[in-house]
PDB file of N, CA and C in Angstrom:
ATOM      1  N   MET A   1       0.652  -1.143  -0.011  1.00  0.00           N
ATOM      2  CA  MET A   1      -0.057  -0.058  -0.014  1.00  0.00           C
ATOM      3  C   MET A   1       0.907   1.267  -0.086  1.00  0.00           C
ATOM      4  N   GLU A   2       1.774   1.243   0.850  1.00  0.00           N
ATOM      5  CA  GLU A   2       2.750   2.311   0.854  1.00  0.00           C
ATOM      6  C   GLU A   2       3.465   2.659  -0.454  1.00  0.00           C
ATOM      7  N   ARG A   3       3.778   1.277  -1.023  1.00  0.00           N
ATOM      8  CA  ARG A   3       4.444   1.324  -2.370  1.00  0.00           C
ATOM      9  C   ARG A   3       3.576   1.900  -3.445  1.00  0.00           C
ATOM     10  N   ARG A   4       2.281   1.659  -3.555  1.00  0.00           N
ATOM     11  CA  ARG A   4       1.433   2.165  -4.451  1.00  0.00           C
ATOM     12  C   ARG A   4       1.302   3.658  -4.204  1.00  0.00           C
ATOM     13  N   LEU A   5       1.274   4.154  -3.105  1.00  0.00           N
ATOM     14  CA  LEU A   5       1.121   5.592  -2.807  1.00  0.00           C
ATOM     15  C   LEU A   5       2.367   6.367  -3.161  1.00  0.00           C
ATOM     16  N   ALA A   6       3.634   5.784  -2.933  1.00  0.00           N
ATOM     17  CA  ALA A   6       4.781   6.374  -3.347  1.00  0.00           C
ATOM     18  C   ALA A   6       4.893   6.434  -4.840  1.00  0.00           C
ATOM     19  N   LEU A   7       4.454   5.447  -5.605  1.00  0.00           N
ATOM     20  CA  LEU A   7       4.513   5.365  -6.921  1.00  0.00           C
ATOM     21  C   LEU A   7       3.498   6.387  -7.642  1.00  0.00           C
ATOM     22  N   LEU A   8       2.341   6.556  -7.134  1.00  0.00           N
ATOM     23  CA  LEU A   8       1.346   7.428  -7.430  1.00  0.00           C
ATOM     24  C   LEU A   8       1.962   8.841  -7.375  1.00  0.00           C
ATOM     25  N   LEU A   9       2.463   9.124  -6.220  1.00  0.00           N
ATOM     26  CA  LEU A   9       3.138  10.448  -5.969  1.00  0.00           C
ATOM     27  C   LEU A   9       4.304  10.704  -6.954  1.00  0.00           C
ATOM     28  N   VAL A  10       5.107   9.802  -7.216  1.00  0.00           N
ATOM     29  CA  VAL A  10       6.231  10.023  -8.300  1.00  0.00           C
ATOM     30  C   VAL A  10       5.674  10.264  -9.688  1.00  0.00           C
ATOM     31  N   TRP A  11       4.738   9.465  -9.944  1.00  0.00           N
ATOM     32  CA  TRP A  11       3.956   9.735 -11.324  1.00  0.00           C
ATOM     33  C   TRP A  11       3.344  10.987 -11.529  1.00  0.00           C
ATOM     34  N   LEU A  12       2.660  11.652 -10.233  1.00  0.00           N
ATOM     35  CA  LEU A  12       2.205  12.961 -10.267  1.00  0.00           C
ATOM     36  C   LEU A  12       3.049  14.048 -10.520  1.00  0.00           C
ATOM     37  N   LEU A  13       4.184  13.788  -9.858  1.00  0.00           N
ATOM     38  CA  LEU A  13       5.355  14.745  -9.914  1.00  0.00           C
ATOM     39  C   LEU A  13       5.831  14.726 -11.344  1.00  0.00           C
ATOM     40  N   LEU A  14       5.925  13.769 -11.903  1.00  0.00           N
ATOM     41  CA  LEU A  14       6.718  13.733 -13.324  1.00  0.00           C
ATOM     42  C   LEU A  14       5.799  14.245 -14.277  1.00  0.00           C
ATOM     43  N   GLY A  15       4.534  13.887 -14.204  1.00  0.00           N
ATOM     44  CA  GLY A  15       3.354  14.208 -15.067  1.00  0.00           C
ATOM     45  C   GLY A  15       2.990  15.743 -15.046  1.00  0.00           C
ATOM     46  N   ALA A  16       3.325  16.496 -13.999  1.00  0.00           N
ATOM     47  CA  ALA A  16       2.727  17.889 -13.757  1.00  0.00           C
ATOM     48  C   ALA A  16       3.288  18.684 -15.015  1.00  0.00           C
ATOM     49  N   GLY A  17       4.307  18.581 -15.623  1.00  0.00           N
ATOM     50  CA  GLY A  17       4.595  19.444 -16.617  1.00  0.00           C
ATOM     51  C   GLY A  17       5.325  20.708 -16.168  1.00  0.00           C
ATOM     52  N   ALA A  18       5.752  21.431 -17.256  1.00  0.00           N
ATOM     53  CA  ALA A  18       6.535  22.671 -16.812  1.00  0.00           C
ATOM     54  C   ALA A  18       5.592  23.847 -16.707  1.00  0.00           C
ATOM     55  N   ALA A  19       6.017  24.778 -15.848  1.00  0.00           N
ATOM     56  CA  ALA A  19       5.207  26.016 -15.621  1.00  0.00           C
ATOM     57  C   ALA A  19       5.587  27.092 -16.592  1.00  0.00           C
ATOM     58  N   ARG A  20       4.448  27.713 -16.979  1.00  0.00           N
ATOM     59  CA  ARG A  20       4.707  28.839 -17.986  1.00  0.00           C
ATOM     60  C   ARG A  20       4.016  30.041 -17.471  1.00  0.00           C
ATOM     61  N   ALA A  21       4.707  31.264 -17.877  1.00  0.00           N
ATOM     62  CA  ALA A  21       4.360  32.523 -17.417  1.00  0.00           C
ATOM     63  C   ALA A  21       3.107  32.890 -18.418  1.00  0.00           C
ATOM     64  N   GLN A  22       2.101  33.778 -17.885  1.00  0.00           N
ATOM     65  CA  GLN A  22       1.099  34.340 -18.714  1.00  0.00           C
ATOM     66  C   GLN A  22       1.391  35.478 -19.569  1.00  0.00           C
ATOM     67  N   TRP A  23       0.883  35.939 -20.581  1.00  0.00           N
ATOM     68  CA  TRP A  23       1.193  37.189 -21.275  1.00  0.00           C
ATOM     69  C   TRP A  23       0.570  38.301 -20.454  1.00  0.00           C
ATOM     70  N   VAL A  24       1.315  39.457 -20.690  1.00  0.00           N
ATOM     71  CA  VAL A  24       0.670  40.738 -20.037  1.00  0.00           C
ATOM     72  C   VAL A  24      -0.385  41.182 -20.865  1.00  0.00           C
ATOM     73  N   VAL A  25      -1.503  41.429 -20.285  1.00  0.00           N
ATOM     74  CA  VAL A  25      -2.832  41.910 -21.010  1.00  0.00           C
ATOM     75  C   VAL A  25      -2.869  43.429 -20.677  1.00  0.00           C
ATOM     76  N   SER A  26      -2.831  44.266 -21.792  1.00  0.00           N
ATOM     77  CA  SER A  26      -3.081  45.710 -21.570  1.00  0.00           C
ATOM     78  C   SER A  26      -4.224  46.118 -22.254  1.00  0.00           C
ATOM     79  N   ASP A  27      -5.002  47.102 -21.739  1.00  0.00           N
ATOM     80  CA  ASP A  27      -6.086  47.675 -22.437  1.00  0.00           C
ATOM     81  C   ASP A  27      -5.834  49.227 -22.706  1.00  0.00           C
ATOM     82  N   PRO A  28      -5.450  49.460 -23.925  1.00  0.00           N
ATOM     83  CA  PRO A  28      -5.043  50.845 -24.318  1.00  0.00           C
ATOM     84  C   PRO A  28      -6.225  51.908 -23.924  1.00  0.00           C
ATOM     85  N   SER A  29      -7.357  51.424 -24.305  1.00  0.00           N
ATOM     86  CA  SER A  29      -8.453  52.354 -24.184  1.00  0.00           C
ATOM     87  C   SER A  29      -8.882  52.789 -22.845  1.00  0.00           C
ATOM     88  N   ASN A  30      -8.626  51.587 -21.792  1.00  0.00           N
ATOM     89  CA  ASN A  30      -8.904  51.908 -20.388  1.00  0.00           C
ATOM     90  C   ASN A  30      -7.637  52.839 -19.950  1.00  0.00           C
ATOM     91  N   LEU A  31      -6.431  52.673 -20.286  1.00  0.00           N
ATOM     92  CA  LEU A  31      -5.283  53.451 -19.948  1.00  0.00           C
ATOM     93  C   LEU A  31      -5.552  54.991 -20.431  1.00  0.00           C
ATOM     94  N   ALA A  32      -6.030  55.147 -21.638  1.00  0.00           N
ATOM     95  CA  ALA A  32      -6.316  56.498 -22.180  1.00  0.00           C
ATOM     96  C   ALA A  32      -7.324  57.066 -21.388  1.00  0.00           C
ATOM     97  N   GLN A  33      -8.347  56.306 -21.012  1.00  0.00           N
ATOM     98  CA  GLN A  33      -9.488  57.055 -20.107  1.00  0.00           C
ATOM     99  C   GLN A  33      -9.082  57.334 -18.835  1.00  0.00           C
ATOM    100  N   GLY A  34      -8.111  56.572 -18.227  1.00  0.00           N
ATOM    101  CA  GLY A  34      -7.595  56.765 -16.932  1.00  0.00           C
ATOM    102  C   GLY A  34      -6.732  58.218 -17.065  1.00  0.00           C
ATOM    103  N   ILE A  35      -5.987  58.304 -18.030  1.00  0.00           N
ATOM    104  CA  ILE A  35      -5.148  59.590 -18.149  1.00  0.00           C
ATOM    105  C   ILE A  35      -6.128  60.792 -18.338  1.00  0.00           C
ATOM    106  N   VAL A  36      -7.251  60.545 -19.082  1.00  0.00           N
ATOM    107  CA  VAL A  36      -8.260  61.744 -19.166  1.00  0.00           C
ATOM    108  C   VAL A  36      -8.841  61.977 -17.938  1.00  0.00           C
ATOM    109  N   ASN A  37      -9.221  61.058 -17.297  1.00  0.00           N
ATOM    110  CA  ASN A  37      -9.857  61.281 -15.892  1.00  0.00           C
ATOM    111  C   ASN A  37      -8.956  61.827 -14.903  1.00  0.00           C
ATOM    112  N   SER A  38      -7.549  61.453 -14.864  1.00  0.00           N
ATOM    113  CA  SER A  38      -6.776  62.070 -13.947  1.00  0.00           C
ATOM    114  C   SER A  38      -6.427  63.538 -14.492  1.00  0.00           C
ATOM    115  N   THR A  39      -6.375  63.903 -15.750  1.00  0.00           N
ATOM    116  CA  THR A  39      -6.264  65.306 -16.151  1.00  0.00           C
ATOM    117  C   THR A  39      -7.350  66.026 -15.830  1.00  0.00           C
ATOM    118  N   ASN A  40      -8.867  65.555 -15.962  1.00  0.00           N
ATOM    119  CA  ASN A  40      -9.941  66.232 -15.660  1.00  0.00           C
ATOM    120  C   ASN A  40      -9.837  66.574 -13.991  1.00  0.00           C
ATOM    121  N   GLU A  41      -9.508  65.565 -13.340  1.00  0.00           N
ATOM    122  CA  GLU A  41      -9.444  65.919 -11.706  1.00  0.00           C
ATOM    123  C   GLU A  41      -8.397  66.836 -11.431  1.00  0.00           C
ATOM    124  N   MET A  42      -7.122  66.948 -12.103  1.00  0.00           N
ATOM    125  CA  MET A  42      -6.119  67.973 -11.915  1.00  0.00           C
ATOM    126  C   MET A  42      -6.751  69.269 -12.227  1.00  0.00           C
ATOM    127  N   VAL A  43      -7.494  69.436 -13.236  1.00  0.00           N
ATOM    128  CA  VAL A  43      -8.058  70.648 -13.719  1.00  0.00           C
ATOM    129  C   VAL A  43      -9.181  71.186 -12.584  1.00  0.00           C
ATOM    130  N   HIS A  44      -9.887  70.305 -12.184  1.00  0.00           N
ATOM    131  CA  HIS A  44     -10.897  70.527 -11.239  1.00  0.00           C
ATOM    132  C   HIS A  44     -10.293  70.892  -9.863  1.00  0.00           C
ATOM    133  N   THR A  45      -9.285  70.180  -9.377  1.00  0.00           N
ATOM    134  CA  THR A  45      -8.478  70.499  -8.244  1.00  0.00           C
ATOM    135  C   THR A  45      -7.902  72.028  -8.385  1.00  0.00           C
ATOM    136  N   SER A  46      -7.352  72.301  -9.433  1.00  0.00           N
ATOM    137  CA  SER A  46      -6.767  73.597  -9.711  1.00  0.00           C
ATOM    138  C   SER A  46      -7.679  74.722  -9.659  1.00  0.00           C
ATOM    139  N   SER A  47      -8.967  74.393 -10.222  1.00  0.00           N
ATOM    140  CA  SER A  47     -10.022  75.482 -10.205  1.00  0.00           C
ATOM    141  C   SER A  47     -10.482  75.627  -8.621  1.00  0.00           C
ATOM    142  N   THR A  48     -10.499  74.512  -7.953  1.00  0.00           N
ATOM    143  CA  THR A  48     -10.969  74.691  -6.626  1.00  0.00           C
ATOM    144  C   THR A  48     -10.007  75.410  -5.825  1.00  0.00           C
ATOM    145  N   ALA A  49      -8.707  75.186  -6.093  1.00  0.00           N
ATOM    146  CA  ALA A  49      -7.694  75.965  -5.327  1.00  0.00           C
ATOM    147  C   ALA A  49      -7.563  77.345  -5.730  1.00  0.00           C
ATOM    148  N   GLN A  50      -7.869  77.800  -6.902  1.00  0.00           N
ATOM    149  CA  GLN A  50      -8.011  79.074  -7.280  1.00  0.00           C
ATOM    150  C   GLN A  50      -9.137  79.711  -6.569  1.00  0.00           C
ATOM    151  N   SER A  51     -10.311  79.048  -6.640  1.00  0.00           N
ATOM    152  CA  SER A  51     -11.467  79.799  -5.942  1.00  0.00           C
ATOM    153  C   SER A  51     -11.266  79.742  -4.395  1.00  0.00           C
ATOM    154  N   MET A  52     -10.585  78.891  -3.710  1.00  0.00           N
ATOM    155  CA  MET A  52     -10.216  78.944  -2.294  1.00  0.00           C
ATOM    156  C   MET A  52      -9.318  80.046  -2.115  1.00  0.00           C
ATOM    157  N   LEU A  53      -8.329  80.392  -2.998  1.00  0.00           N
ATOM    158  CA  LEU A  53      -7.248  81.524  -2.778  1.00  0.00           C
ATOM    159  C   LEU A  53      -8.216  82.840  -3.058  1.00  0.00           C
ATOM    160  N   GLN A  54      -9.146  83.048  -3.899  1.00  0.00           N
ATOM    161  CA  GLN A  54      -9.816  84.150  -4.158  1.00  0.00           C
ATOM    162  C   GLN A  54     -10.823  84.377  -2.818  1.00  0.00           C
ATOM    163  N   ASN A  55     -11.354  83.377  -2.200  1.00  0.00           N
ATOM    164  CA  ASN A  55     -12.102  83.363  -1.015  1.00  0.00           C
ATOM    165  C   ASN A  55     -11.159  84.031   0.215  1.00  0.00           C
ATOM    166  N   PHE A  56     -10.034  83.440   0.213  1.00  0.00           N
ATOM    167  CA  PHE A  56      -9.101  83.872   1.427  1.00  0.00           C
ATOM    168  C   PHE A  56      -8.904  85.295   1.079  1.00  0.00           C
ATOM    169  N   GLN A  57      -8.361  85.714  -0.121  1.00  0.00           N
ATOM    170  CA  GLN A  57      -8.148  87.070  -0.416  1.00  0.00           C
ATOM    171  C   GLN A  57      -9.296  88.078  -0.019  1.00  0.00           C
ATOM    172  N   GLN A  58     -10.414  87.600  -0.266  1.00  0.00           N
ATOM    173  CA  GLN A  58     -11.612  88.318   0.039  1.00  0.00           C
ATOM    174  C   GLN A  58     -11.931  88.458   1.520  1.00  0.00           C
ATOM    175  N   THR A  59     -11.488  87.275   2.162  1.00  0.00           N
ATOM    176  CA  THR A  59     -11.620  87.289   3.661  1.00  0.00           C
ATOM    177  C   THR A  59     -10.608  88.227   4.463  1.00  0.00           C
ATOM    178  N   VAL A  60      -9.299  88.162   3.668  1.00  0.00           N
ATOM    179  CA  VAL A  60      -8.385  89.068   4.258  1.00  0.00           C
ATOM    180  C   VAL A  60      -8.777  90.624   4.027  1.00  0.00           C
ATOM    181  N   LYS A  61      -9.492  90.862   2.921  1.00  0.00           N
ATOM    182  CA  LYS A  61      -9.897  92.361   2.709  1.00  0.00           C
ATOM    183  C   LYS A  61     -10.919  92.775   3.790  1.00  0.00           C
ATOM    184  N   ILE A  62     -11.948  91.905   3.906  1.00  0.00           N
ATOM    185  CA  ILE A  62     -12.872  92.095   4.911  1.00  0.00           C
ATOM    186  C   ILE A  62     -12.185  92.197   6.183  1.00  0.00           C
ATOM    187  N   TYR A  63     -11.369  91.347   6.675  1.00  0.00           N
ATOM    188  CA  TYR A  63     -10.769  91.401   8.007  1.00  0.00           C
ATOM    189  C   TYR A  63      -9.978  92.823   8.159  1.00  0.00           C
ATOM    190  N   GLU A  64      -9.283  93.308   7.030  1.00  0.00           N
ATOM    191  CA  GLU A  64      -8.584  94.481   7.061  1.00  0.00           C
ATOM    192  C   GLU A  64      -9.535  95.750   7.267  1.00  0.00           C
ATOM    193  N   GLN A  65     -10.701  95.752   6.611  1.00  0.00           N
ATOM    194  CA  GLN A  65     -11.815  96.786   6.776  1.00  0.00           C
ATOM    195  C   GLN A  65     -12.234  96.785   8.266  1.00  0.00           C
ATOM    196  N   ASN A  66     -12.526  95.655   8.881  1.00  0.00           N
ATOM    197  CA  ASN A  66     -13.188  95.508  10.042  1.00  0.00           C
ATOM    198  C   ASN A  66     -12.190  96.057  11.234  1.00  0.00           C
ATOM    199  N   LYS A  67     -10.774  95.634  10.785  1.00  0.00           N
ATOM    200  CA  LYS A  67      -9.800  96.108  11.764  1.00  0.00           C
ATOM    201  C   LYS A  67      -9.700  97.533  11.777  1.00  0.00           C
ATOM    202  N   LYS A  68      -9.757  98.100  10.682  1.00  0.00           N
ATOM    203  CA  LYS A  68      -9.871  99.633  10.586  1.00  0.00           C
ATOM    204  C   LYS A  68     -10.767 100.387  11.252  1.00  0.00           C
ATOM    205  N   TYR A  69     -12.086  99.799  11.300  1.00  0.00           N
ATOM    206  CA  TYR A  69     -13.277 100.388  11.814  1.00  0.00           C
ATOM    207  C   TYR A  69     -13.026 100.129  13.446  1.00  0.00           C
ATOM    208  N   TYR A  70     -12.487  98.924  13.754  1.00  0.00           N
ATOM    209  CA  TYR A  70     -12.293  98.621  15.227  1.00  0.00           C
ATOM    210  C   TYR A  70     -11.346  99.556  15.852  1.00  0.00           C
ATOM    211  N   ASP A  71     -10.150  99.904  15.115  1.00  0.00           N
ATOM    212  CA  ASP A  71      -9.168 100.742  15.619  1.00  0.00           C
ATOM    213  C   ASP A  71      -9.874 102.219  15.744  1.00  0.00           C
ATOM    214  N   ALA A  72     -10.600 102.586  14.760  1.00  0.00           N
ATOM    215  CA  ALA A  72     -11.111 103.879  14.775  1.00  0.00           C
ATOM    216  C   ALA A  72     -12.127 103.901  15.981  1.00  0.00           C
ATOM    217  N   LEU A  73     -12.874 102.957  16.264  1.00  0.00           N
ATOM    218  CA  LEU A  73     -13.729 102.932  17.523  1.00  0.00           C
ATOM    219  C   LEU A  73     -13.009 103.008  18.791  1.00  0.00           C
ATOM    220  N   ARG A  74     -11.962 102.227  18.819  1.00  0.00           N
ATOM    221  CA  ARG A  74     -10.993 102.432  19.956  1.00  0.00           C
ATOM    222  C   ARG A  74     -10.486 103.744  20.319  1.00  0.00           C
ATOM    223  N   LYS A  75     -10.121 104.578  19.201  1.00  0.00           N
ATOM    224  CA  LYS A  75      -9.605 105.818  19.442  1.00  0.00           C
ATOM    225  C   LYS A  75     -10.768 106.680  19.817  1.00  0.00           C
ATOM    226  N   VAL A  76     -11.962 106.570  19.182  1.00  0.00           N
ATOM    227  CA  VAL A  76     -13.137 107.361  19.795  1.00  0.00           C
ATOM    228  C   VAL A  76     -13.366 107.046  21.098  1.00  0.00           C
ATOM    229  N   ASN A  77     -13.367 105.756  21.579  1.00  0.00           N
ATOM    230  CA  ASN A  77     -13.536 105.368  23.016  1.00  0.00           C
ATOM    231  C   ASN A  77     -12.620 106.013  23.890  1.00  0.00           C
ATOM    232  N   LYS A  78     -11.302 106.124  23.387  1.00  0.00           N
ATOM    233  CA  LYS A  78     -10.255 106.643  24.203  1.00  0.00           C
ATOM    234  C   LYS A  78     -10.544 108.151  24.492  1.00  0.00           C
ATOM    235  N   LEU A  79     -11.007 108.819  23.270  1.00  0.00           N
ATOM    236  CA  LEU A  79     -11.303 110.245  23.333  1.00  0.00           C
ATOM    237  C   LEU A  79     -12.444 110.486  24.107  1.00  0.00           C
ATOM    238  N   VAL A  80     -13.452 109.654  24.301  1.00  0.00           N
ATOM    239  CA  VAL A  80     -14.669 109.831  25.153  1.00  0.00           C
ATOM    240  C   VAL A  80     -14.165 109.633  26.576  1.00  0.00           C
ATOM    241  N   ARG A  81     -13.314 108.499  26.830  1.00  0.00           N
ATOM    242  CA  ARG A  81     -12.952 108.390  28.127  1.00  0.00           C
ATOM    243  C   ARG A  81     -12.104 109.607  28.664  1.00  0.00           C
ATOM    244  N   ASP A  82     -11.189 110.129  27.884  1.00  0.00           N
ATOM    245  CA  ASP A  82     -10.380 111.461  28.186  1.00  0.00           C
ATOM    246  C   ASP A  82     -11.345 112.555  28.494  1.00  0.00           C
ATOM    247  N   ALA A  83     -12.409 112.670  27.541  1.00  0.00           N
ATOM    248  CA  ALA A  83     -13.393 113.823  27.779  1.00  0.00           C
ATOM    249  C   ALA A  83     -14.020 113.700  29.071  1.00  0.00           C
ATOM    250  N   ARG A  84     -14.454 112.481  29.467  1.00  0.00           N
ATOM    251  CA  ARG A  84     -15.080 112.245  30.628  1.00  0.00           C
ATOM    252  C   ARG A  84     -14.263 112.716  31.819  1.00  0.00           C
ATOM    253  N   LYS A  85     -12.995 112.320  31.761  1.00  0.00           N
ATOM    254  CA  LYS A  85     -11.868 112.710  32.822  1.00  0.00           C
ATOM    255  C   LYS A  85     -11.803 114.196  32.984  1.00  0.00           C
ATOM    256  N   VAL A  86     -11.877 114.922  31.704  1.00  0.00           N
ATOM    257  CA  VAL A  86     -11.784 116.434  31.759  1.00  0.00           C
ATOM    258  C   VAL A  86     -12.859 116.868  32.468  1.00  0.00           C
ATOM    259  N   GLN A  87     -14.083 116.364  32.076  1.00  0.00           N
ATOM    260  CA  GLN A  87     -15.496 116.714  32.594  1.00  0.00           C
ATOM    261  C   GLN A  87     -15.412 116.533  34.237  1.00  0.00           C
ATOM    262  N   ARG A  88     -14.914 115.582  34.708  1.00  0.00           N
ATOM    263  CA  ARG A  88     -14.821 115.276  36.088  1.00  0.00           C
ATOM    264  C   ARG A  88     -13.864 116.307  36.761  1.00  0.00           C
ATOM    265  N   CYS A  89     -12.762 116.543  36.061  1.00  0.00           N
ATOM    266  CA  CYS A  89     -11.773 117.508  36.683  1.00  0.00           C
ATOM    267  C   CYS A  89     -12.409 118.941  36.651  1.00  0.00           C
ATOM    268  N   MET A  90     -13.301 119.343  35.686  1.00  0.00           N
ATOM    269  CA  MET A  90     -13.984 120.669  35.569  1.00  0.00           C
ATOM    270  C   MET A  90     -14.898 120.697  36.782  1.00  0.00           C
ATOM    271  N   LEU A  91     -15.642 119.641  36.979  1.00  0.00           N
ATOM    272  CA  LEU A  91     -16.632 119.687  37.960  1.00  0.00           C
ATOM    273  C   LEU A  91     -15.940 119.638  39.322  1.00  0.00           C
ATOM    274  N   LEU A  92     -14.886 119.048  39.640  1.00  0.00           N
ATOM    275  CA  LEU A  92     -14.096 119.174  40.985  1.00  0.00           C
ATOM    276  C   LEU A  92     -13.527 120.635  40.948  1.00  0.00           C
ATOM    277  N   VAL A  93     -13.080 121.182  39.959  1.00  0.00           N
ATOM    278  CA  VAL A  93     -12.599 122.665  40.030  1.00  0.00           C
ATOM    279  C   VAL A  93     -13.756 123.524  40.408  1.00  0.00           C
ATOM    280  N   GLY A  94     -14.915 123.257  39.886  1.00  0.00           N
ATOM    281  CA  GLY A  94     -15.999 124.054  39.981  1.00  0.00           C
ATOM    282  C   GLY A  94     -16.560 123.924  41.507  1.00  0.00           C
ATOM    283  N   GLU A  95     -16.441 122.705  42.185  1.00  0.00           N
ATOM    284  CA  GLU A  95     -16.894 122.320  43.526  1.00  0.00           C
ATOM    285  C   GLU A  95     -15.855 123.122  44.331  1.00  0.00           C
ATOM    286  N   ILE A  96     -14.636 123.036  44.087  1.00  0.00           N
ATOM    287  CA  ILE A  96     -13.617 123.596  45.025  1.00  0.00           C
ATOM    288  C   ILE A  96     -13.731 125.123  44.868  1.00  0.00           C
ATOM    289  N   SER A  97     -13.986 125.629  43.720  1.00  0.00           N
ATOM    290  CA  SER A  97     -14.206 127.093  43.632  1.00  0.00           C
ATOM    291  C   SER A  97     -15.489 127.520  44.314  1.00  0.00           C
ATOM    292  N   ASP A  98     -16.587 126.842  44.279  1.00  0.00           N
ATOM    293  CA  ASP A  98     -17.717 127.083  45.167  1.00  0.00           C
ATOM    294  C   ASP A  98     -17.344 127.089  46.738  1.00  0.00           C
ATOM    295  N   ILE A  99     -16.646 126.019  47.055  1.00  0.00           N
ATOM    296  CA  ILE A  99     -16.220 126.053  48.499  1.00  0.00           C
ATOM    297  C   ILE A  99     -15.420 127.095  48.820  1.00  0.00           C
ATOM    298  N   TYR A 100     -14.438 127.495  48.050  1.00  0.00           N
ATOM    299  CA  TYR A 100     -13.570 128.682  48.295  1.00  0.00           C
ATOM    300  C   TYR A 100     -14.497 130.083  48.479  1.00  0.00           C
ATOM    301  N   VAL A 101     -15.171 130.119  47.439  1.00  0.00           N
ATOM    302  CA  VAL A 101     -16.028 131.471  47.384  1.00  0.00           C
ATOM    303  C   VAL A 101     -17.051 131.513  48.616  1.00  0.00           C
ATOM    304  N   ASP A 102     -17.718 130.279  48.935  1.00  0.00           N
ATOM    305  CA  ASP A 102     -18.558 130.328  50.041  1.00  0.00           C
ATOM    306  C   ASP A 102     -17.732 130.671  51.405  1.00  0.00           C
ATOM    307  N   GLY A 103     -16.516 130.031  51.438  1.00  0.00           N
ATOM    308  CA  GLY A 103     -15.591 130.313  52.647  1.00  0.00           C
ATOM    309  C   GLY A 103     -15.305 131.739  52.736  1.00  0.00           C
ATOM    310  N   TYR A 104     -14.873 132.254  51.537  1.00  0.00           N
ATOM    311  CA  TYR A 104     -14.407 133.641  51.477  1.00  0.00           C
ATOM    312  C   TYR A 104     -15.631 134.692  51.804  1.00  0.00           C
ATOM    313  N   ARG A 105     -16.771 134.405  51.449  1.00  0.00           N
ATOM    314  CA  ARG A 105     -17.810 135.306  51.829  1.00  0.00           C
ATOM    315  C   ARG A 105     -18.136 135.155  53.223  1.00  0.00           C
ATOM    316  N   ARG A 106     -17.918 133.970  53.909  1.00  0.00           N
ATOM    317  CA  ARG A 106     -18.252 133.879  55.369  1.00  0.00           C
ATOM    318  C   ARG A 106     -17.104 134.614  56.091  1.00  0.00           C
ATOM    319  N   ILE A 107     -15.918 134.729  55.544  1.00  0.00           N
ATOM    320  CA  ILE A 107     -14.787 135.342  56.337  1.00  0.00           C
ATOM    321  C   ILE A 107     -15.084 136.857  56.053  1.00  0.00           C
ATOM    322  N   VAL A 108     -15.467 137.197  54.882  1.00  0.00           N
ATOM    323  CA  VAL A 108     -15.586 138.721  54.757  1.00  0.00           C
ATOM    324  C   VAL A 108     -16.710 139.163  55.471  1.00  0.00           C
ATOM    325  N   THR A 109     -17.717 138.383  55.776  1.00  0.00           N
ATOM    326  CA  THR A 109     -18.942 138.938  56.467  1.00  0.00           C
ATOM    327  C   THR A 109     -18.664 138.650  58.043  1.00  0.00           C
ATOM    328  N   ASP A 110     -17.714 138.049  58.466  1.00  0.00           N
ATOM    329  CA  ASP A 110     -17.506 137.723  59.875  1.00  0.00           C
ATOM    330  C   ASP A 110     -17.008 139.014  60.329  1.00  0.00           C
ATOM    331  N   THR A 111     -17.511 139.501  61.623  1.00  0.00           N
ATOM    332  CA  THR A 111     -17.020 140.637  62.302  1.00  0.00           C
ATOM    333  C   THR A 111     -15.966 140.505  63.053  1.00  0.00           C
ATOM    334  N   ASN A 112     -15.541 139.309  63.424  1.00  0.00           N
ATOM    335  CA  ASN A 112     -14.318 139.105  64.173  1.00  0.00           C
ATOM    336  C   ASN A 112     -13.013 139.400  63.387  1.00  0.00           C
ATOM    337  N   PHE A 113     -13.107 139.395  62.082  1.00  0.00           N
ATOM    338  CA  PHE A 113     -11.700 139.722  61.442  1.00  0.00           C
ATOM    339  C   PHE A 113     -11.615 141.177  61.238  1.00  0.00           C
ATOM    340  N   SER A 114     -10.277 141.724  61.314  1.00  0.00           N
ATOM    341  CA  SER A 114      -9.942 143.076  61.027  1.00  0.00           C
ATOM    342  C   SER A 114      -9.760 143.259  59.481  1.00  0.00           C
ATOM    343  N   VAL A 115      -9.681 144.435  58.971  1.00  0.00           N
ATOM    344  CA  VAL A 115      -9.398 144.564  57.649  1.00  0.00           C
ATOM    345  C   VAL A 115      -8.028 144.149  57.037  1.00  0.00           C
ATOM    346  N   GLU A 116      -7.002 144.325  57.970  1.00  0.00           N
ATOM    347  CA  GLU A 116      -5.702 143.694  57.826  1.00  0.00           C
ATOM    348  C   GLU A 116      -5.752 142.208  57.637  1.00  0.00           C
ATOM    349  N   GLU A 117      -6.371 141.682  58.608  1.00  0.00           N
ATOM    350  CA  GLU A 117      -6.600 140.103  58.339  1.00  0.00           C
ATOM    351  C   GLU A 117      -7.116 139.680  57.378  1.00  0.00           C
ATOM    352  N   LEU A 118      -8.232 140.293  56.830  1.00  0.00           N
ATOM    353  CA  LEU A 118      -8.815 140.085  55.567  1.00  0.00           C
ATOM    354  C   LEU A 118      -8.131 140.177  54.355  1.00  0.00           C
ATOM    355  N   ALA A 119      -7.212 141.266  54.347  1.00  0.00           N
ATOM    356  CA  ALA A 119      -6.275 141.448  53.192  1.00  0.00           C
ATOM    357  C   ALA A 119      -5.338 140.456  53.400  1.00  0.00           C
ATOM    358  N   ALA A 120      -4.741 140.065  54.361  1.00  0.00           N
ATOM    359  CA  ALA A 120      -3.636 138.969  54.373  1.00  0.00           C
ATOM    360  C   ALA A 120      -4.374 137.562  53.956  1.00  0.00           C
ATOM    361  N   ILE A 121      -5.655 137.403  54.380  1.00  0.00           N
ATOM    362  CA  ILE A 121      -6.236 136.058  54.004  1.00  0.00           C
ATOM    363  C   ILE A 121      -6.447 136.044  52.382  1.00  0.00           C
ATOM    364  N   ALA A 122      -7.049 137.242  51.986  1.00  0.00           N
ATOM    365  CA  ALA A 122      -7.325 137.379  50.478  1.00  0.00           C
ATOM    366  C   ALA A 122      -6.001 137.200  49.730  1.00  0.00           C
TER     367      ALA A 122
END
């Protein structure tokens, strides 16, 4: 039995024949269509990139305009803040002047001060 099996195996190995390579199959129309498709994709990608660049340039222009307006508003805000400070200072000067004038009137109308003392105080 083992002998038959070994003989069958040897016979299969000898009868198998030689291995041969296959021929390369090429489809020129498929290759040409692939090239056309790749070219169309490159054109589409290029136009998409151009439109993205234009959109970015428009965004930069809008940003610069908004920045200019924002800077102008900041200047106005600083000017208003400074004007409020000046207003407060003027009000304080007015209050101090009122206090001084009121105090001076009291001193002038006070009978306890002499003319020389009033002149020295003035």
